[in-house]
PDB file of all heavy atoms in Angstrom:
ATOM      1  N   VAL A   1       0.835  -1.203   0.000  1.00  0.00           N
ATOM      2  CA  VAL A   1       0.000   0.000   0.000  1.00  0.00           C
ATOM      3  C   VAL A   1       0.871   1.255   0.000  1.00  0.00           C
ATOM      4  O   VAL A   1       0.588   2.228  -0.716  1.00  0.00           O
ATOM      5  CB  VAL A   1      -0.959  -0.006   1.205  1.00  0.00           C
ATOM      6  CG1 VAL A   1      -1.670   1.337   1.333  1.00  0.00           C
ATOM      7  CG2 VAL A   1      -1.984  -1.130   1.065  1.00  0.00           C
ATOM      8  N   ALA A   2       1.937   1.243   0.783  1.00  0.00           N
ATOM      9  CA  ALA A   2       2.841   2.394   0.821  1.00  0.00           C
ATOM     10  C   ALA A   2       3.460   2.640  -0.559  1.00  0.00           C
ATOM     11  O   ALA A   2       3.614   3.794  -0.985  1.00  0.00           O
ATOM     12  CB  ALA A   2       3.936   2.164   1.867  1.00  0.00           C
ATOM     13  N   TRP A   3       3.802   1.561  -1.255  1.00  0.00           N
ATOM     14  CA  TRP A   3       4.369   1.700  -2.601  1.00  0.00           C
ATOM     15  C   TRP A   3       3.354   2.326  -3.553  1.00  0.00           C
ATOM     16  O   TRP A   3       3.682   3.234  -4.333  1.00  0.00           O
ATOM     17  CB  TRP A   3       4.804   0.338  -3.123  1.00  0.00           C
ATOM     18  CG  TRP A   3       5.428   0.392  -4.483  1.00  0.00           C
ATOM     19  CD1 TRP A   3       6.730   0.630  -4.791  1.00  0.00           C
ATOM     20  CD2 TRP A   3       4.736   0.214  -5.743  1.00  0.00           C
ATOM     21  NE1 TRP A   3       6.905   0.617  -6.166  1.00  0.00           N
ATOM     22  CE2 TRP A   3       5.706   0.369  -6.761  1.00  0.00           C
ATOM     23  CE3 TRP A   3       3.418  -0.053  -6.083  1.00  0.00           C
ATOM     24  CZ2 TRP A   3       5.385   0.252  -8.115  1.00  0.00           C
ATOM     25  CZ3 TRP A   3       3.092  -0.166  -7.426  1.00  0.00           C
ATOM     26  CH2 TRP A   3       4.057  -0.015  -8.431  1.00  0.00           C
ATOM     27  N   LEU A   4       2.107   1.863  -3.505  1.00  0.00           N
ATOM     28  CA  LEU A   4       1.072   2.437  -4.362  1.00  0.00           C
ATOM     29  C   LEU A   4       0.894   3.930  -4.081  1.00  0.00           C
ATOM     30  O   LEU A   4       0.841   4.753  -5.004  1.00  0.00           O
ATOM     31  CB  LEU A   4      -0.245   1.704  -4.148  1.00  0.00           C
ATOM     32  CG  LEU A   4      -0.316   0.273  -4.698  1.00  0.00           C
ATOM     33  CD1 LEU A   4      -1.536  -0.452  -4.131  1.00  0.00           C
ATOM     34  CD2 LEU A   4      -0.362   0.268  -6.221  1.00  0.00           C
ATOM     35  N   LYS A   5       0.799   4.287  -2.802  1.00  0.00           N
ATOM     36  CA  LYS A   5       0.605   5.694  -2.446  1.00  0.00           C
ATOM     37  C   LYS A   5       1.802   6.549  -2.879  1.00  0.00           C
ATOM     38  O   LYS A   5       1.620   7.686  -3.303  1.00  0.00           O
ATOM     39  CB  LYS A   5       0.388   5.819  -0.944  1.00  0.00           C
ATOM     40  CG  LYS A   5      -0.946   5.257  -0.463  1.00  0.00           C
ATOM     41  CD  LYS A   5      -1.109   5.438   1.046  1.00  0.00           C
ATOM     42  CE  LYS A   5      -1.120   6.894   1.431  1.00  0.00           C
ATOM     43  NZ  LYS A   5      -1.242   7.068   2.902  1.00  0.00           N
ATOM     44  N   SER A   6       3.002   5.991  -2.786  1.00  0.00           N
ATOM     45  CA  SER A   6       4.195   6.749  -3.176  1.00  0.00           C
ATOM     46  C   SER A   6       4.222   7.050  -4.665  1.00  0.00           C
ATOM     47  O   SER A   6       4.940   7.949  -5.113  1.00  0.00           O
ATOM     48  CB  SER A   6       5.468   5.985  -2.772  1.00  0.00           C
ATOM     49  OG  SER A   6       5.686   4.857  -3.617  1.00  0.00           O
ATOM     50  N   HIS A   7       3.440   6.290  -5.441  1.00  0.00           N
ATOM     51  CA  HIS A   7       3.345   6.522  -6.884  1.00  0.00           C
ATOM     52  C   HIS A   7       2.072   7.298  -7.253  1.00  0.00           C
ATOM     53  O   HIS A   7       1.659   7.302  -8.418  1.00  0.00           O
ATOM     54  CB  HIS A   7       3.405   5.190  -7.627  1.00  0.00           C
ATOM     55  CG  HIS A   7       4.775   4.584  -7.656  1.00  0.00           C
ATOM     56  ND1 HIS A   7       5.353   4.002  -6.543  1.00  0.00           N
ATOM     57  CD2 HIS A   7       5.709   4.505  -8.644  1.00  0.00           C
ATOM     58  CE1 HIS A   7       6.564   3.571  -6.849  1.00  0.00           C
ATOM     59  NE2 HIS A   7       6.805   3.867  -8.108  1.00  0.00           N
ATOM     60  N   GLY A   8       1.451   7.932  -6.255  1.00  0.00           N
ATOM     61  CA  GLY A   8       0.297   8.780  -6.516  1.00  0.00           C
ATOM     62  C   GLY A   8      -0.967   8.029  -6.865  1.00  0.00           C
ATOM     63  O   GLY A   8      -1.850   8.571  -7.529  1.00  0.00           O
ATOM     64  N   ILE A   9      -1.083   6.773  -6.399  1.00  0.00           N
ATOM     65  CA  ILE A   9      -2.238   5.941  -6.705  1.00  0.00           C
ATOM     66  C   ILE A   9      -3.086   5.784  -5.449  1.00  0.00           C
ATOM     67  O   ILE A   9      -2.576   5.439  -4.375  1.00  0.00           O
ATOM     68  CB  ILE A   9      -1.791   4.550  -7.209  1.00  0.00           C
ATOM     69  CG1 ILE A   9      -0.958   4.696  -8.484  1.00  0.00           C
ATOM     70  CG2 ILE A   9      -2.993   3.641  -7.451  1.00  0.00           C
ATOM     71  CD1 ILE A   9      -0.258   3.422  -8.891  1.00  0.00           C
ATOM     72  N   ASP A  10      -4.375   6.047  -5.566  1.00  0.00           N
ATOM     73  CA  ASP A  10      -5.300   5.830  -4.456  1.00  0.00           C
ATOM     74  C   ASP A  10      -5.529   4.330  -4.255  1.00  0.00           C
ATOM     75  O   ASP A  10      -5.453   3.546  -5.199  1.00  0.00           O
ATOM     76  CB  ASP A  10      -6.647   6.492  -4.741  1.00  0.00           C
ATOM     77  CG  ASP A  10      -6.587   8.008  -4.754  1.00  0.00           C
ATOM     78  OD1 ASP A  10      -5.652   8.571  -4.162  1.00  0.00           O
ATOM     79  OD2 ASP A  10      -7.481   8.621  -5.370  1.00  0.00           O
ATOM     80  N   VAL A  11      -5.852   3.958  -3.013  1.00  0.00           N
ATOM     81  CA  VAL A  11      -6.099   2.552  -2.685  1.00  0.00           C
ATOM     82  C   VAL A  11      -7.341   2.449  -1.809  1.00  0.00           C
ATOM     83  O   VAL A  11      -7.507   3.233  -0.864  1.00  0.00           O
ATOM     84  CB  VAL A  11      -4.909   1.924  -1.923  1.00  0.00           C
ATOM     85  CG1 VAL A  11      -5.119   0.412  -1.758  1.00  0.00           C
ATOM     86  CG2 VAL A  11      -3.588   2.208  -2.617  1.00  0.00           C
ATOM     87  N   VAL A  12      -8.201   1.500  -2.133  1.00  0.00           N
ATOM     88  CA  VAL A  12      -9.307   1.096  -1.264  1.00  0.00           C
ATOM     89  C   VAL A  12      -9.144  -0.394  -0.998  1.00  0.00           C
ATOM     90  O   VAL A  12      -9.042  -1.188  -1.946  1.00  0.00           O
ATOM     91  CB  VAL A  12     -10.681   1.362  -1.925  1.00  0.00           C
ATOM     92  CG1 VAL A  12     -11.804   0.761  -1.081  1.00  0.00           C
ATOM     93  CG2 VAL A  12     -10.909   2.857  -2.120  1.00  0.00           C
ATOM     94  N   LEU A  13      -9.088  -0.777   0.265  1.00  0.00           N
ATOM     95  CA  LEU A  13      -8.968  -2.188   0.626  1.00  0.00           C
ATOM     96  C   LEU A  13     -10.348  -2.778   0.916  1.00  0.00           C
ATOM     97  O   LEU A  13     -11.216  -2.110   1.479  1.00  0.00           O
ATOM     98  CB  LEU A  13      -8.073  -2.361   1.853  1.00  0.00           C
ATOM     99  CG  LEU A  13      -6.600  -1.977   1.691  1.00  0.00           C
ATOM    100  CD1 LEU A  13      -5.840  -2.232   2.999  1.00  0.00           C
ATOM    101  CD2 LEU A  13      -5.939  -2.731   0.544  1.00  0.00           C
ATOM    102  N   VAL A  14     -10.520  -4.046   0.540  1.00  0.00           N
ATOM    103  CA  VAL A  14     -11.729  -4.815   0.839  1.00  0.00           C
ATOM    104  C   VAL A  14     -11.284  -6.020   1.653  1.00  0.00           C
ATOM    105  O   VAL A  14     -10.528  -6.862   1.164  1.00  0.00           O
ATOM    106  CB  VAL A  14     -12.438  -5.279  -0.449  1.00  0.00           C
ATOM    107  CG1 VAL A  14     -13.721  -6.031  -0.115  1.00  0.00           C
ATOM    108  CG2 VAL A  14     -12.726  -4.093  -1.370  1.00  0.00           C
ATOM    109  N   ASP A  15     -11.722  -6.116   2.905  1.00  0.00           N
ATOM    110  CA  ASP A  15     -11.195  -7.167   3.781  1.00  0.00           C
ATOM    111  C   ASP A  15     -11.833  -8.535   3.488  1.00  0.00           C
ATOM    112  O   ASP A  15     -12.703  -8.647   2.613  1.00  0.00           O
ATOM    113  CB  ASP A  15     -11.272  -6.752   5.249  1.00  0.00           C
ATOM    114  CG  ASP A  15     -12.685  -6.665   5.802  1.00  0.00           C
ATOM    115  OD1 ASP A  15     -13.621  -7.202   5.182  1.00  0.00           O
ATOM    116  OD2 ASP A  15     -12.862  -6.064   6.884  1.00  0.00           O
ATOM    117  N   PRO A  16     -11.411  -9.607   4.171  1.00  0.00           N
ATOM    118  CA  PRO A  16     -11.809 -10.962   3.786  1.00  0.00           C
ATOM    119  C   PRO A  16     -13.300 -11.255   3.873  1.00  0.00           C
ATOM    120  O   PRO A  16     -14.074 -10.552   4.525  1.00  0.00           O
ATOM    121  CB  PRO A  16     -11.022 -11.846   4.764  1.00  0.00           C
ATOM    122  CG  PRO A  16      -9.827 -11.045   5.126  1.00  0.00           C
ATOM    123  CD  PRO A  16     -10.330  -9.623   5.176  1.00  0.00           C
ATOM    124  N   LEU A  17     -13.677 -12.355   3.215  1.00  0.00           N
ATOM    125  CA  LEU A  17     -15.047 -12.852   3.253  1.00  0.00           C
ATOM    126  C   LEU A  17     -15.418 -13.345   4.648  1.00  0.00           C
ATOM    127  O   LEU A  17     -14.543 -13.738   5.436  1.00  0.00           O
ATOM    128  CB  LEU A  17     -15.211 -14.002   2.260  1.00  0.00           C
ATOM    129  CG  LEU A  17     -15.191 -13.647   0.781  1.00  0.00           C
ATOM    130  CD1 LEU A  17     -15.069 -14.914  -0.059  1.00  0.00           C
ATOM    131  CD2 LEU A  17     -16.450 -12.886   0.400  1.00  0.00           C
ATOM    132  N   TYR A  18     -16.708 -13.361   4.904  1.00  0.00           N
ATOM    133  CA  TYR A  18     -17.244 -13.884   6.166  1.00  0.00           C
ATOM    134  C   TYR A  18     -18.076 -15.131   5.917  1.00  0.00           C
ATOM    135  O   TYR A  18     -18.844 -15.202   4.958  1.00  0.00           O
ATOM    136  CB  TYR A  18     -18.139 -12.838   6.837  1.00  0.00           C
ATOM    137  CG  TYR A  18     -19.019 -13.418   7.921  1.00  0.00           C
ATOM    138  CD1 TYR A  18     -18.541 -13.562   9.222  1.00  0.00           C
ATOM    139  CD2 TYR A  18     -20.317 -13.861   7.632  1.00  0.00           C
ATOM    140  CE1 TYR A  18     -19.344 -14.112  10.217  1.00  0.00           C
ATOM    141  CE2 TYR A  18     -21.121 -14.404   8.618  1.00  0.00           C
ATOM    142  CZ  TYR A  18     -20.628 -14.541   9.908  1.00  0.00           C
ATOM    143  OH  TYR A  18     -21.422 -15.091  10.885  1.00  0.00           O
ATOM    144  N   THR A  19     -17.915 -16.127   6.770  1.00  0.00           N
ATOM    145  CA  THR A  19     -18.896 -17.194   6.943  1.00  0.00           C
ATOM    146  C   THR A  19     -18.927 -17.519   8.429  1.00  0.00           C
ATOM    147  O   THR A  19     -17.973 -17.231   9.167  1.00  0.00           O
ATOM    148  CB  THR A  19     -18.561 -18.488   6.169  1.00  0.00           C
ATOM    149  OG1 THR A  19     -17.454 -19.152   6.797  1.00  0.00           O
ATOM    150  CG2 THR A  19     -18.231 -18.211   4.721  1.00  0.00           C
ATOM    151  N   ALA A  20     -20.019 -18.131   8.865  1.00  0.00           N
ATOM    152  CA  ALA A  20     -20.136 -18.490  10.276  1.00  0.00           C
ATOM    153  C   ALA A  20     -19.032 -19.444  10.693  1.00  0.00           C
ATOM    154  O   ALA A  20     -18.609 -19.460  11.852  1.00  0.00           O
ATOM    155  CB  ALA A  20     -21.504 -19.113  10.544  1.00  0.00           C
ATOM    156  N   SER A  21     -18.516 -20.228   9.744  1.00  0.00           N
ATOM    157  CA  SER A  21     -17.492 -21.221  10.070  1.00  0.00           C
ATOM    158  C   SER A  21     -16.173 -20.583  10.470  1.00  0.00           C
ATOM    159  O   SER A  21     -15.342 -21.223  11.122  1.00  0.00           O
ATOM    160  CB  SER A  21     -17.270 -22.155   8.876  1.00  0.00           C
ATOM    161  OG  SER A  21     -16.783 -21.436   7.759  1.00  0.00           O
ATOM    162  N   VAL A  22     -15.940 -19.320  10.086  1.00  0.00           N
ATOM    163  CA  VAL A  22     -14.678 -18.660  10.442  1.00  0.00           C
ATOM    164  C   VAL A  22     -14.886 -17.527  11.446  1.00  0.00           C
ATOM    165  O   VAL A  22     -13.920 -16.886  11.856  1.00  0.00           O
ATOM    166  CB  VAL A  22     -13.968 -18.101   9.188  1.00  0.00           C
ATOM    167  CG1 VAL A  22     -13.641 -19.221   8.201  1.00  0.00           C
ATOM    168  CG2 VAL A  22     -14.796 -17.016   8.507  1.00  0.00           C
ATOM    169  N   ALA A  23     -16.132 -17.284  11.834  1.00  0.00           N
ATOM    170  CA  ALA A  23     -16.420 -16.149  12.712  1.00  0.00           C
ATOM    171  C   ALA A  23     -15.633 -16.209  14.016  1.00  0.00           C
ATOM    172  O   ALA A  23     -15.214 -15.176  14.538  1.00  0.00           O
ATOM    173  CB  ALA A  23     -17.909 -16.059  12.996  1.00  0.00           C
ATOM    174  N   GLY A  24     -15.440 -17.407  14.547  1.00  0.00           N
ATOM    175  CA  GLY A  24     -14.713 -17.548  15.801  1.00  0.00           C
ATOM    176  C   GLY A  24     -13.284 -18.017  15.646  1.00  0.00           C
ATOM    177  O   GLY A  24     -12.623 -18.339  16.642  1.00  0.00           O
ATOM    178  N   ASP A  25     -12.783 -18.054  14.421  1.00  0.00           N
ATOM    179  CA  ASP A  25     -11.422 -18.523  14.158  1.00  0.00           C
ATOM    180  C   ASP A  25     -10.437 -17.394  14.448  1.00  0.00           C
ATOM    181  O   ASP A  25     -10.419 -16.374  13.756  1.00  0.00           O
ATOM    182  CB  ASP A  25     -11.315 -18.979  12.697  1.00  0.00           C
ATOM    183  CG  ASP A  25      -9.976 -19.626  12.375  1.00  0.00           C
ATOM    184  OD1 ASP A  25      -8.943 -18.978  12.622  1.00  0.00           O
ATOM    185  OD2 ASP A  25      -9.973 -20.760  11.864  1.00  0.00           O
ATOM    186  N   ALA A  26      -9.604 -17.574  15.451  1.00  0.00           N
ATOM    187  CA  ALA A  26      -8.706 -16.502  15.889  1.00  0.00           C
ATOM    188  C   ALA A  26      -7.724 -16.105  14.803  1.00  0.00           C
ATOM    189  O   ALA A  26      -7.465 -14.910  14.581  1.00  0.00           O
ATOM    190  CB  ALA A  26      -7.958 -16.933  17.148  1.00  0.00           C
ATOM    191  N   ASP A  27      -7.154 -17.087  14.098  1.00  0.00           N
ATOM    192  CA  ASP A  27      -6.175 -16.773  13.055  1.00  0.00           C
ATOM    193  C   ASP A  27      -6.829 -16.020  11.893  1.00  0.00           C
ATOM    194  O   ASP A  27      -6.256 -15.072  11.351  1.00  0.00           O
ATOM    195  CB  ASP A  27      -5.515 -18.052  12.548  1.00  0.00           C
ATOM    196  CG  ASP A  27      -4.598 -18.680  13.587  1.00  0.00           C
ATOM    197  OD1 ASP A  27      -4.067 -17.932  14.437  1.00  0.00           O
ATOM    198  OD2 ASP A  27      -4.414 -19.906  13.559  1.00  0.00           O
ATOM    199  N   TYR A  28      -8.020 -16.454  11.502  1.00  0.00           N
ATOM    200  CA  TYR A  28      -8.726 -15.769  10.415  1.00  0.00           C
ATOM    201  C   TYR A  28      -9.019 -14.330  10.815  1.00  0.00           C
ATOM    202  O   TYR A  28      -8.814 -13.393  10.027  1.00  0.00           O
ATOM    203  CB  TYR A  28     -10.032 -16.517  10.105  1.00  0.00           C
ATOM    204  CG  TYR A  28     -10.666 -16.136   8.788  1.00  0.00           C
ATOM    205  CD1 TYR A  28     -10.517 -16.944   7.663  1.00  0.00           C
ATOM    206  CD2 TYR A  28     -11.436 -14.979   8.661  1.00  0.00           C
ATOM    207  CE1 TYR A  28     -11.105 -16.603   6.448  1.00  0.00           C
ATOM    208  CE2 TYR A  28     -12.021 -14.629   7.456  1.00  0.00           C
ATOM    209  CZ  TYR A  28     -11.854 -15.445   6.352  1.00  0.00           C
ATOM    210  OH  TYR A  28     -12.432 -15.095   5.157  1.00  0.00           O
ATOM    211  N   ASN A  29      -9.481 -14.136  12.038  1.00  0.00           N
ATOM    212  CA  ASN A  29      -9.796 -12.792  12.502  1.00  0.00           C
ATOM    213  C   ASN A  29      -8.563 -11.909  12.623  1.00  0.00           C
ATOM    214  O   ASN A  29      -8.665 -10.687  12.477  1.00  0.00           O
ATOM    215  CB  ASN A  29     -10.539 -12.861  13.836  1.00  0.00           C
ATOM    216  CG  ASN A  29     -12.021 -13.136  13.658  1.00  0.00           C
ATOM    217  OD1 ASN A  29     -12.821 -12.222  13.511  1.00  0.00           O
ATOM    218  ND2 ASN A  29     -12.401 -14.419  13.667  1.00  0.00           N
TER     219      ASN A  29
END
């Protein structure tokens, strides 16, 4: 992200998918 910004490029991040099976997974969270 820092590299993109240093080249004058905007960034929008989209975080990971959700399912109930990973809701309580500490590593996934």
